[in-house]
């Protein structure tokens, strides 16, 4: 009996490696499509992705998968890895079986073409170029959600892809609390009149010097771009993984301000470190990826903001800034620190300050929830977007590029993804609370440049497990509590009241 079990387990892992190989191949093609591909190659490249996605679909919905699910589901006392694998392939089998192969293949092809259309539309700041493609992606996602089924809200079916167990009902509650806390603190900041000076961030910052500074920092953080990754350029920064030995990130440089590229590198490196730290023994299990997009974003935003905008972090790295950009030799560390934590409502999500960032996410959450439920049309989207920015942040986009076209996510149909960013803030603050109790001198270590103590804690407690555990299981395992917004709200108040001298 034991022999049969072990043989079946080995057989399962070998079978699942086929899916992992296909996933890596498609990710590599998609990475190249964004970083290197000539414009005329888009249609043939889309056909390749369509074919590979069809092969992936065949394997994930095969009778063989069903046999494995039936065999292992009847076994008791499965170890966490095997249990997690069976739960994952069973869920994906049920989900994919409900989508006709023709629809799935056409969706992948449409997504690739849509992403290229979005890129052109953004460059030309013309939403109408992208509109028909976005309409297709919305229609596909509505159709898929109906195939999968849902209890109360069609959008819940899409949320479950990125954050298993989260519902619109829960998000409405959590985001409502978060929004109220942010608005209250934001109003206090506006009334304080203690605005930091940020003029010194304007100037000429050559790309090669930005790249040198960013690579120095992210390598020190623990992201191995030398032997297990790369740093490239793309319109929209992103991270992609072809297994834990090849995890690549991209950024976008602005030579008039070095902050966007620097902090996007730190953010994406947080994703990259997570993927590089996943245990080798998860190969052939489909568990060699993040627990959820919310947990993934907790790592990127943890490094970008909680660590990357901490004064102790810059006590160590500020000399590197001065070395690359000598104009900062006359700027004090305190002024620099206050400057990188400047709070001001802005139009671009990726450039938003730490405090108001979640408002950008709430806007997107409300819009895509309305789109998927048919409450608004794609044609109305630019106007709806502009009105919400005026209402929530008091500012309004001047054009489509800085408005509705600024993000790539909807172009490939990633509806349900955006809430992950705000959830990541909440997870990250809760992880920090636990980390501080485990490492009492954490900030002193950061000031000495010992970021390995952080990396090791994250690897041992979160990264190495991949997606063996659900987000709910993981947050309980690490912190002993369910997810709570109180830690992030407390973190924001403590930090920004001190910066802005608010009583």
Protein backbone atom coordinates (compact mmCIF):
# COMPACT_ATOMS: atom_id res chain seq x y z
CA UNK A 1 0.00 0.00 0.00
CA UNK A 2 2.83 2.37 0.95
CA UNK A 3 4.74 1.38 -2.19
CA UNK A 4 1.72 2.05 -4.38
CA UNK A 5 1.26 5.47 -2.74
CA UNK A 6 4.89 6.48 -3.28
CA UNK A 7 4.89 5.29 -6.89
CA UNK A 8 1.69 7.20 -7.57
CA UNK A 9 3.13 10.33 -5.97
CA UNK A 10 6.25 10.16 -8.16
CA UNK A 11 4.06 9.62 -11.19
CA UNK A 12 1.91 12.62 -10.27
CA UNK A 13 4.92 14.92 -9.90
CA UNK A 14 6.30 13.91 -13.27
CA UNK A 15 2.93 14.57 -14.85
CA UNK A 16 2.57 17.97 -13.20
CA UNK A 17 6.03 18.99 -14.40
CA UNK A 18 4.53 19.12 -17.90
CA UNK A 19 2.21 21.88 -16.69
CA UNK A 20 5.10 23.69 -15.02
CA UNK A 21 7.18 23.48 -18.20
CA UNK A 22 4.34 24.93 -20.26
CA UNK A 23 3.72 27.67 -17.72
CA UNK A 24 7.40 28.64 -17.76
CA UNK A 25 7.51 28.59 -21.55
CA UNK A 26 4.46 30.84 -21.82
CA UNK A 27 5.85 33.20 -19.17
CA UNK A 28 9.13 33.45 -21.08
CA UNK A 29 7.32 34.23 -24.33
CA UNK A 30 5.18 36.85 -22.60
CA UNK A 31 8.26 38.40 -20.98
CA UNK A 32 9.96 38.63 -24.36
CA UNK A 33 6.80 40.10 -25.86
CA UNK A 34 7.03 43.02 -23.45
CA UNK A 35 10.81 43.48 -23.32
CA UNK A 36 12.18 42.54 -26.77
CA UNK A 37 9.55 41.60 -29.34
CA UNK A 38 9.31 43.62 -32.60
CA UNK A 39 5.86 45.10 -33.18
CA UNK A 40 5.09 43.04 -36.29
CA UNK A 41 5.48 39.77 -34.39
CA UNK A 42 2.44 40.23 -32.17
CA UNK A 43 -0.08 38.13 -34.09
CA UNK A 44 2.16 35.10 -34.64
CA UNK A 45 3.38 35.34 -31.04
CA UNK A 46 -0.25 35.35 -29.90
CA UNK A 47 -0.89 32.18 -31.91
CA UNK A 48 2.04 30.48 -30.18
CA UNK A 49 0.66 31.44 -26.78
CA UNK A 50 -2.76 30.24 -27.83
CA UNK A 51 -1.38 26.85 -28.83
CA UNK A 52 0.64 26.41 -25.63
CA UNK A 53 -2.30 27.48 -23.49
CA UNK A 54 -4.41 24.87 -25.27
CA UNK A 55 -1.86 22.19 -24.40
CA UNK A 56 -1.86 23.38 -20.80
CA UNK A 57 -5.64 23.23 -20.78
CA UNK A 58 -5.57 19.66 -22.10
CA UNK A 59 -3.26 18.49 -19.33
CA UNK A 60 -5.05 20.31 -16.51
CA UNK A 61 -8.44 18.90 -17.56
CA UNK A 62 -7.31 15.40 -18.56
CA UNK A 63 -8.74 12.16 -17.25
CA UNK A 64 -5.31 11.52 -15.76
CA UNK A 65 -5.67 14.55 -13.48
CA UNK A 66 -9.08 13.31 -12.41
CA UNK A 67 -7.60 9.89 -11.60
CA UNK A 68 -4.90 11.47 -9.42
CA UNK A 69 -7.47 13.60 -7.59
CA UNK A 70 -9.68 10.58 -6.94
CA UNK A 71 -6.75 8.43 -5.77
CA UNK A 72 -5.22 10.90 -3.30
CA UNK A 73 -8.48 12.41 -2.08
CA UNK A 74 -9.34 9.06 -0.51
CA UNK A 75 -6.07 8.90 1.44
CA UNK A 76 -5.86 10.02 5.05
CA UNK A 77 -3.02 11.82 6.80
CA UNK A 78 -1.54 13.38 3.67
CA UNK A 79 1.47 15.61 4.30
CA UNK A 80 0.96 19.35 3.77
CA UNK A 81 2.65 19.39 0.36
CA UNK A 82 0.67 16.49 -1.09
CA UNK A 83 -2.55 17.79 0.42
CA UNK A 84 -1.89 21.25 -1.02
CA UNK A 85 -1.10 19.79 -4.44
CA UNK A 86 -4.30 17.76 -4.61
CA UNK A 87 -6.43 20.68 -3.47
CA UNK A 88 -4.82 22.91 -6.10
CA UNK A 89 -5.13 20.54 -9.07
CA UNK A 90 -8.68 19.62 -8.03
CA UNK A 91 -9.72 23.27 -7.92
CA UNK A 92 -8.04 24.07 -11.23
CA UNK A 93 -9.50 20.95 -12.83
CA UNK A 94 -13.02 21.95 -11.80
CA UNK A 95 -12.47 25.57 -12.86
CA UNK A 96 -10.95 24.74 -16.25
CA UNK A 97 -13.44 21.98 -17.03
CA UNK A 98 -16.21 24.54 -16.88
CA UNK A 99 -14.60 26.63 -19.65
CA UNK A 100 -14.81 25.27 -23.23
CA UNK A 101 -11.32 24.80 -24.67
CA UNK A 102 -12.19 27.03 -27.63
CA UNK A 103 -13.11 29.91 -25.31
CA UNK A 104 -9.96 29.45 -23.26
CA UNK A 105 -7.62 29.42 -26.26
CA UNK A 106 -9.32 32.41 -27.87
CA UNK A 107 -9.09 34.27 -24.57
CA UNK A 108 -5.31 33.79 -24.34
CA UNK A 109 -4.85 34.99 -27.91
CA UNK A 110 -7.16 37.97 -27.35
CA UNK A 111 -5.27 38.87 -24.18
CA UNK A 112 -1.94 38.99 -25.98
CA UNK A 113 -3.34 41.21 -28.73
CA UNK A 114 -5.13 43.34 -26.16
CA UNK A 115 -1.90 43.96 -24.24
CA UNK A 116 -0.22 45.20 -27.42
CA UNK A 117 -3.22 47.46 -28.13
CA UNK A 118 -3.03 48.86 -24.60
CA UNK A 119 0.65 49.67 -25.09
CA UNK A 120 -0.11 51.57 -28.31
CA UNK A 121 -3.11 53.32 -26.76
CA UNK A 122 -1.07 54.45 -23.77
CA UNK A 123 1.73 55.78 -25.97
CA UNK A 124 -0.80 57.73 -28.03
CA UNK A 125 -3.00 58.55 -25.02
CA UNK A 126 -6.06 57.35 -26.94
CA UNK A 127 -8.48 55.07 -25.07
CA UNK A 128 -10.48 54.34 -28.22
CA UNK A 129 -7.59 52.26 -29.61
CA UNK A 130 -7.85 49.99 -26.58
CA UNK A 131 -11.63 50.09 -26.06
CA UNK A 132 -12.72 47.21 -28.38
CA UNK A 133 -10.02 44.95 -26.96
CA UNK A 134 -10.98 45.76 -23.38
CA UNK A 135 -14.63 45.06 -24.21
CA UNK A 136 -13.60 41.56 -25.31
CA UNK A 137 -11.63 40.97 -22.10
CA UNK A 138 -14.54 42.13 -19.94
CA UNK A 139 -16.96 39.91 -21.87
CA UNK A 140 -14.71 36.89 -21.50
CA UNK A 141 -14.37 37.44 -17.75
CA UNK A 142 -18.11 37.87 -17.32
CA UNK A 143 -18.65 34.64 -19.23
CA UNK A 144 -16.01 32.75 -17.23
CA UNK A 145 -17.42 33.98 -13.91
CA UNK A 146 -20.82 32.67 -14.98
CA UNK A 147 -19.28 29.34 -15.96
CA UNK A 148 -17.61 29.02 -12.54
CA UNK A 149 -20.60 30.23 -10.56
CA UNK A 150 -20.85 32.47 -7.52
CA UNK A 151 -23.09 32.91 -4.50
CA UNK A 152 -23.85 36.63 -4.37
CA UNK A 153 -21.63 38.65 -6.67
CA UNK A 154 -20.23 37.72 -10.08
CA UNK A 155 -16.98 39.52 -9.22
CA UNK A 156 -16.37 37.05 -6.36
CA UNK A 157 -15.58 34.32 -8.90
CA UNK A 158 -12.67 36.42 -10.21
CA UNK A 159 -11.44 37.52 -6.78
CA UNK A 160 -11.05 33.87 -5.83
CA UNK A 161 -8.42 33.38 -8.53
CA UNK A 162 -6.04 35.86 -6.92
CA UNK A 163 -7.09 35.76 -3.26
CA UNK A 164 -8.89 32.50 -2.41
CA UNK A 165 -11.71 33.03 0.06
CA UNK A 166 -12.01 36.81 -0.29
CA UNK A 167 -15.43 38.19 -1.25
CA UNK A 168 -16.77 41.60 -2.24
CA UNK A 169 -18.69 41.64 1.03
CA UNK A 170 -15.43 41.30 2.99
CA UNK A 171 -13.56 43.79 0.81
CA UNK A 172 -16.32 46.37 1.09
CA UNK A 173 -15.93 46.18 4.85
CA UNK A 174 -12.11 46.12 4.98
CA UNK A 175 -11.64 48.79 2.34
CA UNK A 176 -14.29 50.95 3.97
CA UNK A 177 -12.37 50.93 7.27
CA UNK A 178 -9.08 51.54 5.50
CA UNK A 179 -10.48 54.39 3.42
CA UNK A 180 -11.91 56.15 6.47
CA UNK A 181 -8.62 55.88 8.38
CA UNK A 182 -6.59 57.18 5.44
CA UNK A 183 -8.93 60.12 4.79
CA UNK A 184 -8.84 61.11 8.47
CA UNK A 185 -5.05 61.06 8.60
CA UNK A 186 -4.78 62.78 5.21
CA UNK A 187 -6.93 65.65 6.43
CA UNK A 188 -4.71 66.06 9.49
CA UNK A 189 -1.64 66.16 7.28
CA UNK A 190 -3.20 68.83 5.04
CA UNK A 191 -4.01 70.98 8.08
CA UNK A 192 -0.54 70.55 9.62
CA UNK A 193 1.18 72.76 7.03
CA UNK A 194 4.44 70.86 7.69
CA UNK A 195 5.15 69.87 4.11
CA UNK A 196 8.60 68.47 3.36
CA UNK A 197 10.69 70.04 0.61
CA UNK A 198 10.89 67.80 -2.47
CA UNK A 199 12.36 70.23 -5.03
CA UNK A 200 15.75 68.53 -4.82
CA UNK A 201 14.27 65.43 -6.48
CA UNK A 202 13.93 67.39 -9.73
CA UNK A 203 16.97 67.39 -11.97
CA UNK A 204 19.02 65.25 -14.33
CA UNK A 205 19.56 61.68 -13.18
CA UNK A 206 21.29 59.61 -15.89
CA UNK A 207 19.84 56.15 -16.41
CA UNK A 208 23.16 54.36 -15.91
CA UNK A 209 23.60 55.93 -12.47
CA UNK A 210 20.01 55.09 -11.50
CA UNK A 211 20.60 51.51 -12.57
CA UNK A 212 23.81 51.24 -10.56
CA UNK A 213 22.11 52.56 -7.40
CA UNK A 214 19.07 50.32 -7.79
CA UNK A 215 21.11 47.18 -8.44
CA UNK A 216 23.32 47.87 -5.42
CA UNK A 217 20.24 48.11 -3.19
CA UNK A 218 18.21 45.19 -4.51
CA UNK A 219 21.21 42.84 -4.44
CA UNK A 220 21.83 43.82 -0.82
CA UNK A 221 18.15 43.10 -0.13
CA UNK A 222 18.63 39.55 -1.38
CA UNK A 223 17.44 39.62 -4.99
CA UNK A 224 19.96 37.67 -7.05
CA UNK A 225 19.90 39.31 -10.48
CA UNK A 226 23.42 38.10 -11.25
CA UNK A 227 22.85 34.34 -11.39
CA UNK A 228 19.11 33.80 -10.91
CA UNK A 229 17.44 36.84 -12.44
CA UNK A 230 17.62 39.94 -14.63
CA UNK A 231 16.72 43.62 -14.53
CA UNK A 232 15.27 44.92 -17.81
CA UNK A 233 13.08 47.79 -19.02
CA UNK A 234 9.39 47.79 -19.91
CA UNK A 235 6.56 50.30 -20.13
CA UNK A 236 5.06 48.93 -16.92
CA UNK A 237 7.37 47.33 -14.29
CA UNK A 238 6.64 43.68 -13.56
CA UNK A 239 8.11 40.43 -12.25
CA UNK A 240 7.95 37.04 -13.94
CA UNK A 241 9.24 33.64 -12.89
CA UNK A 242 10.35 30.58 -14.85
CA UNK A 243 11.13 28.61 -11.70
CA UNK A 244 13.07 29.75 -8.65
CA UNK A 245 16.38 29.83 -10.54
CA UNK A 246 15.18 32.34 -13.15
CA UNK A 247 13.09 35.22 -11.77
CA UNK A 248 13.17 38.45 -13.79
CA UNK A 249 12.09 41.99 -13.01
CA UNK A 250 11.68 45.13 -15.10
CA UNK A 251 11.54 48.84 -14.42
CA UNK A 252 11.07 52.10 -16.28
CA UNK A 253 13.55 54.98 -15.95
CA UNK A 254 12.72 58.68 -15.75
CA UNK A 255 15.88 60.77 -16.01
CA UNK A 256 14.16 63.80 -14.46
CA UNK A 257 13.44 61.95 -11.18
CA UNK A 258 15.20 58.83 -9.93
CA UNK A 259 12.52 57.84 -7.39
CA UNK A 260 10.03 56.02 -9.70
CA UNK A 261 12.61 53.57 -11.07
CA UNK A 262 14.34 53.08 -7.72
CA UNK A 263 11.22 52.25 -5.76
CA UNK A 264 9.76 50.15 -8.57
CA UNK A 265 13.00 48.12 -8.52
CA UNK A 266 12.72 47.66 -4.75
CA UNK A 267 9.04 46.70 -5.18
CA UNK A 268 9.65 44.20 -7.96
CA UNK A 269 12.70 42.80 -6.15
CA UNK A 270 10.37 42.01 -3.24
CA UNK A 271 8.35 39.85 -5.63
CA UNK A 272 11.55 38.39 -7.05
CA UNK A 273 13.03 37.45 -3.68
CA UNK A 274 9.81 35.64 -2.79
CA UNK A 275 9.96 33.55 -5.97
CA UNK A 276 13.69 32.83 -5.65
CA UNK A 277 13.22 31.64 -2.05
CA UNK A 278 10.55 29.03 -2.82
CA UNK A 279 11.83 25.58 -1.87
CA UNK A 280 13.25 23.34 -4.58
CA UNK A 281 11.19 20.40 -3.31
CA UNK A 282 8.00 22.04 -4.58
CA UNK A 283 8.91 21.29 -8.19
CA UNK A 284 6.33 19.00 -9.73
CA UNK A 285 3.64 20.01 -7.24
CA UNK A 286 2.27 23.23 -8.79
CA UNK A 287 2.90 24.80 -5.36
CA UNK A 288 6.09 26.60 -6.40
CA UNK A 289 4.49 30.05 -6.49
CA UNK A 290 3.18 32.65 -4.05
CA UNK A 291 0.35 31.79 -1.68
CA UNK A 292 -1.83 34.46 -3.32
CA UNK A 293 -1.43 37.78 -5.06
CA UNK A 294 -2.20 39.53 -1.76
CA UNK A 295 0.61 37.66 -0.01
CA UNK A 296 2.87 38.37 -2.99
CA UNK A 297 2.06 42.07 -2.82
CA UNK A 298 2.72 42.02 0.91
CA UNK A 299 6.33 41.17 0.10
CA UNK A 300 6.83 43.77 -2.61
CA UNK A 301 5.13 46.56 -0.69
CA UNK A 302 6.84 45.51 2.54
CA UNK A 303 10.23 46.03 0.91
CA UNK A 304 9.22 49.12 -1.05
CA UNK A 305 7.59 51.03 1.81
CA UNK A 306 7.96 49.51 5.25
CA UNK A 307 11.68 48.89 4.68
CA UNK A 308 12.55 51.04 1.65
CA UNK A 309 11.05 54.24 3.07
CA UNK A 310 12.31 53.68 6.61
CA UNK A 311 14.89 56.14 7.94
CA UNK A 312 17.16 53.35 9.20
CA UNK A 313 17.31 51.89 5.71
CA UNK A 314 18.63 55.19 4.37
CA UNK A 315 21.10 55.64 7.20
CA UNK A 316 22.99 52.89 5.41
CA UNK A 317 22.18 53.61 1.74
CA UNK A 318 22.11 57.39 1.64
CA UNK A 319 25.89 57.62 0.97
CA UNK A 320 25.22 55.59 -2.21
CA UNK A 321 22.68 58.20 -3.33
CA UNK A 322 25.22 60.97 -2.73
CA UNK A 323 27.89 59.01 -4.61
CA UNK A 324 25.72 58.61 -7.70
CA UNK A 325 24.08 62.04 -7.48
CA UNK A 326 26.48 64.54 -5.81
CA UNK A 327 23.79 67.24 -5.60
CA UNK A 328 22.48 65.39 -2.52
CA UNK A 329 25.65 66.07 -0.52
CA UNK A 330 24.00 69.33 0.57
CA UNK A 331 20.73 67.61 1.47
CA UNK A 332 20.47 66.16 4.98
CA UNK A 333 19.37 62.58 5.60
CA UNK A 334 16.38 63.91 7.54
CA UNK A 335 15.24 66.08 4.62
CA UNK A 336 15.74 63.20 2.20
CA UNK A 337 13.76 60.85 4.45
CA UNK A 338 10.88 63.29 4.82
CA UNK A 339 11.01 63.94 1.07
CA UNK A 340 10.60 60.29 0.04
CA UNK A 341 7.64 60.09 2.41
CA UNK A 342 5.97 63.22 1.09
CA UNK A 343 2.18 62.90 1.04
CA UNK A 344 0.23 64.43 -1.82
CA UNK A 345 -2.72 63.04 -3.79
CA UNK A 346 -1.49 62.12 -7.28
CA UNK A 347 -2.81 60.66 -10.53
CA UNK A 348 -0.40 57.78 -11.14
CA UNK A 349 -0.84 54.69 -8.97
CA UNK A 350 2.76 53.48 -9.25
CA UNK A 351 4.03 56.90 -8.16
CA UNK A 352 1.52 57.38 -5.33
CA UNK A 353 2.75 57.99 -1.81
CA UNK A 354 2.44 55.26 0.76
CA UNK A 355 -0.54 56.82 2.51
CA UNK A 356 -2.83 57.56 -0.45
CA UNK A 357 -1.87 54.49 -2.50
CA UNK A 358 -4.74 52.39 -1.21
CA UNK A 359 -7.24 54.97 -2.45
CA UNK A 360 -6.00 54.28 -5.98
CA UNK A 361 -6.71 50.60 -5.40
CA UNK A 362 -10.18 51.22 -3.99
CA UNK A 363 -11.04 53.24 -7.11
CA UNK A 364 -9.95 50.37 -9.37
CA UNK A 365 -11.74 47.82 -7.22
CA UNK A 366 -15.02 49.70 -7.44
CA UNK A 367 -14.67 50.21 -11.20
CA UNK A 368 -13.83 46.65 -12.15
CA UNK A 369 -16.50 45.28 -9.82
CA UNK A 370 -19.01 47.49 -11.65
CA UNK A 371 -17.66 46.45 -15.07
CA UNK A 372 -17.90 42.72 -14.35
CA UNK A 373 -21.41 43.09 -12.95
CA UNK A 374 -22.49 45.13 -15.98
CA UNK A 375 -23.27 48.25 -13.95
CA UNK A 376 -21.09 50.39 -16.24
CA UNK A 377 -19.89 49.89 -19.82
CA UNK A 378 -16.32 50.01 -21.13
CA UNK A 379 -17.25 53.07 -23.18
CA UNK A 380 -18.12 54.94 -19.96
CA UNK A 381 -14.85 53.98 -18.30
CA UNK A 382 -12.77 57.16 -18.90
CA UNK A 383 -15.50 59.39 -17.50
CA UNK A 384 -16.15 57.12 -14.51
CA UNK A 385 -12.43 56.96 -13.81
CA UNK A 386 -12.00 60.74 -13.92
CA UNK A 387 -15.00 61.36 -11.68
CA UNK A 388 -13.78 58.94 -9.03
CA UNK A 389 -10.33 60.54 -8.97
CA UNK A 390 -11.96 63.91 -8.51
CA UNK A 391 -14.16 62.55 -5.71
CA UNK A 392 -11.58 60.45 -3.84
CA UNK A 393 -8.35 62.38 -4.38
CA UNK A 394 -9.49 65.82 -5.43
CA UNK A 395 -7.62 65.68 -8.75
CA UNK A 396 -8.58 64.83 -12.32
CA UNK A 397 -6.53 63.33 -15.21
CA UNK A 398 -5.81 65.61 -18.17
CA UNK A 399 -5.58 62.72 -20.62
CA UNK A 400 -6.07 58.97 -20.98
CA UNK A 401 -2.38 58.17 -20.46
CA UNK A 402 -2.35 59.52 -16.92
CA UNK A 403 -5.90 58.28 -16.36
CA UNK A 404 -7.61 55.09 -17.39
CA UNK A 405 -4.70 53.78 -19.52
CA UNK A 406 -1.99 53.92 -16.88
CA UNK A 407 -2.17 50.24 -15.83
CA UNK A 408 -1.60 47.12 -17.91
CA UNK A 409 -3.67 44.75 -15.75
CA UNK A 410 -7.04 44.90 -17.51
CA UNK A 411 -5.47 44.39 -20.93
CA UNK A 412 -4.80 40.70 -20.27
CA UNK A 413 -8.02 40.20 -18.31
CA UNK A 414 -6.58 40.36 -14.79
CA UNK A 415 -9.83 41.44 -13.16
CA UNK A 416 -9.76 40.75 -9.42
CA UNK A 417 -6.02 41.43 -9.18
CA UNK A 418 -6.02 45.06 -8.02
CA UNK A 419 -7.41 44.43 -4.49
CA UNK A 420 -4.27 42.36 -3.88
CA UNK A 421 -2.18 45.54 -3.59
CA UNK A 422 -4.20 46.96 -0.71
CA UNK A 423 -4.48 43.55 0.92
CA UNK A 424 -0.70 43.32 0.62
CA UNK A 425 -0.38 46.46 2.74
CA UNK A 426 -2.46 44.84 5.47
CA UNK A 427 -0.58 41.53 5.38
CA UNK A 428 2.78 43.32 5.35
CA UNK A 429 2.05 45.41 8.43
CA UNK A 430 0.84 42.36 10.31
CA UNK A 431 4.00 40.46 9.34
CA UNK A 432 6.06 43.45 10.53
CA UNK A 433 4.36 43.35 13.92
CA UNK A 434 5.36 39.71 14.33
CA UNK A 435 8.86 40.28 12.93
CA UNK A 436 9.54 43.03 15.47
CA UNK A 437 8.58 40.71 18.31
CA UNK A 438 10.92 38.01 16.94
CA UNK A 439 13.81 40.38 16.14
CA UNK A 440 13.93 43.02 18.86
CA UNK A 441 16.83 44.96 17.31
CA UNK A 442 15.53 44.87 13.73
CA UNK A 443 15.89 48.60 13.06
CA UNK A 444 19.45 48.68 14.39
CA UNK A 445 20.31 45.81 12.02
CA UNK A 446 18.72 47.65 9.09
CA UNK A 447 20.76 50.77 9.90
CA UNK A 448 23.92 48.64 9.68
CA UNK A 449 22.90 47.32 6.27
CA UNK A 450 22.13 43.86 7.61
CA UNK A 451 19.09 43.19 5.44
CA UNK A 452 19.80 39.48 5.55
CA UNK A 453 18.08 39.27 8.95
CA UNK A 454 14.86 40.41 7.25
CA UNK A 455 15.37 38.19 4.23
CA UNK A 456 15.96 35.13 6.41
CA UNK A 457 12.84 35.76 8.52
CA UNK A 458 10.67 36.16 5.44
CA UNK A 459 12.17 33.10 3.77
CA UNK A 460 11.75 30.88 6.83
CA UNK A 461 8.24 32.06 7.67
CA UNK A 462 6.68 32.80 4.29
CA UNK A 463 8.71 32.36 1.10
CA UNK A 464 9.86 28.76 1.29
CA UNK A 465 6.30 27.46 1.59
CA UNK A 466 5.20 28.67 -1.84
CA UNK A 467 1.45 28.13 -1.93
CA UNK A 468 1.29 25.07 0.30
CA UNK A 469 -0.97 27.11 2.57
CA UNK A 470 -3.89 29.39 1.72
CA UNK A 471 -3.57 33.07 2.68
CA UNK A 472 -5.82 32.49 5.69
CA UNK A 473 -3.78 29.51 6.83
CA UNK A 474 -0.48 31.34 6.29
CA UNK A 475 -1.36 34.53 8.17
CA UNK A 476 -2.54 32.40 11.10
CA UNK A 477 0.55 30.19 10.93
CA UNK A 478 2.93 33.18 10.92
CA UNK A 479 1.22 35.63 13.27
CA UNK A 480 -1.26 33.50 15.22
CA UNK A 481 -4.09 35.82 14.14
CA UNK A 482 -6.54 36.34 11.31
CA UNK A 483 -5.93 39.22 8.92
CA UNK A 484 -6.59 42.59 10.54
CA UNK A 485 -6.41 46.16 9.25
CA UNK A 486 -5.42 47.55 12.66
CA UNK A 487 -1.68 46.96 12.22
CA UNK A 488 -1.45 48.88 8.96
CA UNK A 489 -3.59 51.73 10.26
CA UNK A 490 -1.45 51.89 13.40
CA UNK A 491 1.74 51.84 11.30
CA UNK A 492 0.51 54.70 9.08
CA UNK A 493 -0.50 56.87 12.01
CA UNK A 494 2.73 56.35 13.94
CA UNK A 495 4.90 57.06 10.91
CA UNK A 496 3.17 60.02 9.31
CA UNK A 497 2.18 61.82 12.49
CA UNK A 498 5.85 61.91 13.40
CA UNK A 499 6.94 63.07 9.94
CA UNK A 500 4.31 65.82 9.86
CA UNK A 501 4.58 66.68 13.56
CA UNK A 502 0.91 65.92 14.24
CA UNK A 503 -0.14 65.55 17.84
